[in-house]
C-alpha atoms as a PDB file:
ATOM      1  CA  MET A   1      34.764  23.069   8.867  1.00  0.00           C
ATOM      2  CA  ASN A   2      33.679  21.897  12.323  1.00  0.00           C
ATOM      3  CA  ARG A   3      31.145  24.705  12.680  1.00  0.00           C
ATOM      4  CA  TRP A   4      29.663  23.822   9.304  1.00  0.00           C
ATOM      5  CA  LEU A   5      29.322  20.162  10.283  1.00  0.00           C
ATOM      6  CA  VAL A   6      27.818  20.979  13.673  1.00  0.00           C
ATOM      7  CA  ARG A   7      25.355  23.452  12.147  1.00  0.00           C
ATOM      8  CA  HIS A   8      24.151  20.916   9.571  1.00  0.00           C
ATOM      9  CA  PHE A   9      24.028  18.115  12.128  1.00  0.00           C
ATOM     10  CA  VAL A  10      21.849  20.247  14.406  1.00  0.00           C
ATOM     11  CA  ARG A  11      19.604  21.226  11.493  1.00  0.00           C
ATOM     12  CA  ILE A  12      19.095  17.583  10.457  1.00  0.00           C
ATOM     13  CA  ARG A  13      18.553  16.478  14.067  1.00  0.00           C
ATOM     14  CA  ASN A  14      15.936  19.188  14.572  1.00  0.00           C
ATOM     15  CA  ARG A  15      14.061  18.043  11.467  1.00  0.00           C
ATOM     16  CA  VAL A  16      14.045  14.458  12.680  1.00  0.00           C
ATOM     17  CA  VAL A  17      12.819  15.472  16.130  1.00  0.00           C
ATOM     18  CA  GLU A  18      10.190  17.789  14.630  1.00  0.00           C
ATOM     19  CA  HIS A  19       8.771  15.196  12.245  1.00  0.00           C
ATOM     20  CA  GLY A  20       9.544  12.044  14.201  1.00  0.00           C
ATOM     21  CA  HIS A  21       5.960  11.683  15.372  1.00  0.00           C
ATOM     22  CA  ASP A  22       4.586  11.588  11.805  1.00  0.00           C
ATOM     23  CA  ARG A  23       4.729   7.820  11.402  1.00  0.00           C
ATOM     24  CA  GLY A  24       2.252   5.288  10.084  1.00  0.00           C
ATOM     25  CA  GLN A  25      -0.944   5.583   8.107  1.00  0.00           C
ATOM     26  CA  GLY A  26      -3.969   7.574   9.096  1.00  0.00           C
ATOM     27  CA  ALA A  27      -7.496   6.220   9.348  1.00  0.00           C
ATOM     28  CA  MET A  28      -8.557   8.137   6.231  1.00  0.00           C
ATOM     29  CA  GLU A  29      -5.806   6.497   4.170  1.00  0.00           C
ATOM     30  CA  TYR A  30      -6.942   3.043   5.278  1.00  0.00           C
ATOM     31  CA  LEU A  31     -10.563   3.968   4.555  1.00  0.00           C
ATOM     32  CA  GLY A  32      -9.581   5.143   1.070  1.00  0.00           C
ATOM     33  CA  LEU A  33      -7.740   1.901   0.425  1.00  0.00           C
ATOM     34  CA  ALA A  34     -10.742  -0.131   1.588  1.00  0.00           C
ATOM     35  CA  VAL A  35     -13.043   1.837  -0.738  1.00  0.00           C
ATOM     36  CA  VAL A  36     -10.739   1.286  -3.721  1.00  0.00           C
ATOM     37  CA  ILE A  37     -10.552  -2.454  -3.018  1.00  0.00           C
ATOM     38  CA  ALA A  38     -14.337  -2.649  -2.638  1.00  0.00           C
ATOM     39  CA  VAL A  39     -14.846  -0.878  -5.975  1.00  0.00           C
ATOM     40  CA  ILE A  40     -12.402  -3.211  -7.741  1.00  0.00           C
ATOM     41  CA  ILE A  41     -14.108  -6.281  -6.275  1.00  0.00           C
ATOM     42  CA  GLY A  42     -17.513  -4.887  -7.251  1.00  0.00           C
ATOM     43  CA  VAL A  43     -16.437  -4.248 -10.834  1.00  0.00           C
ATOM     44  CA  LEU A  44     -14.827  -7.667 -11.174  1.00  0.00           C
ATOM     45  CA  SER A  45     -17.857  -9.455  -9.779  1.00  0.00           C
ATOM     46  CA  THR A  46     -20.342  -7.716 -12.085  1.00  0.00           C
ATOM     47  CA  THR A  47     -18.491  -7.957 -15.398  1.00  0.00           C
ATOM     48  CA  SER A  48     -17.581 -10.819 -17.677  1.00  0.00           C
ATOM     49  CA  ILE A  49     -13.892 -10.101 -17.199  1.00  0.00           C
ATOM     50  CA  GLY A  50     -14.366 -11.014 -13.532  1.00  0.00           C
ATOM     51  CA  ASP A  51     -15.672 -14.430 -14.574  1.00  0.00           C
ATOM     52  CA  ALA A  52     -12.704 -14.898 -16.907  1.00  0.00           C
ATOM     53  CA  ILE A  53     -10.260 -14.010 -14.141  1.00  0.00           C
ATOM     54  CA  LEU A  54     -12.006 -16.350 -11.693  1.00  0.00           C
ATOM     55  CA  THR A  55     -11.923 -19.200 -14.219  1.00  0.00           C
ATOM     56  CA  ALA A  56      -8.219 -18.636 -14.915  1.00  0.00           C
ATOM     57  CA  ILE A  57      -7.395 -18.599 -11.204  1.00  0.00           C
ATOM     58  CA  LEU A  58      -9.380 -21.771 -10.551  1.00  0.00           C
ATOM     59  CA  ASN A  59      -7.703 -23.507 -13.517  1.00  0.00           C
ATOM     60  CA  LYS A  60      -4.247 -22.604 -12.175  1.00  0.00           C
ATOM     61  CA  ILE A  61      -5.164 -23.832  -8.692  1.00  0.00           C
ATOM     62  CA  SER A  62      -6.415 -27.111 -10.173  1.00  0.00           C
ATOM     63  CA  ALA A  63      -3.215 -27.491 -12.198  1.00  0.00           C
ATOM     64  CA  ILE A  64      -1.070 -26.926  -9.115  1.00  0.00           C
ATOM     65  CA  ALA A  65      -3.156 -29.300  -7.001  1.00  0.00           C
ATOM     66  CA  GLY A  66      -2.990 -31.932  -9.728  1.00  0.00           C
ATOM     67  CA  ALA A  67      -6.724 -32.345 -10.016  1.00  0.00           C
END
């Protein structure tokens, strides 16, 4: 039983050490996210649905502010 536990502990520890440096997001992932956000903003600003969303948001802000 002890050998089995030690063998699996060492295997898991080696995986953690091997892949421990793979943390965080890469520059390409952030660039992809920025492109997707830019496309969404572009679509919303050039369509009538964007105007409807803007109007709804402004109405809610006015209701919260009490204006």
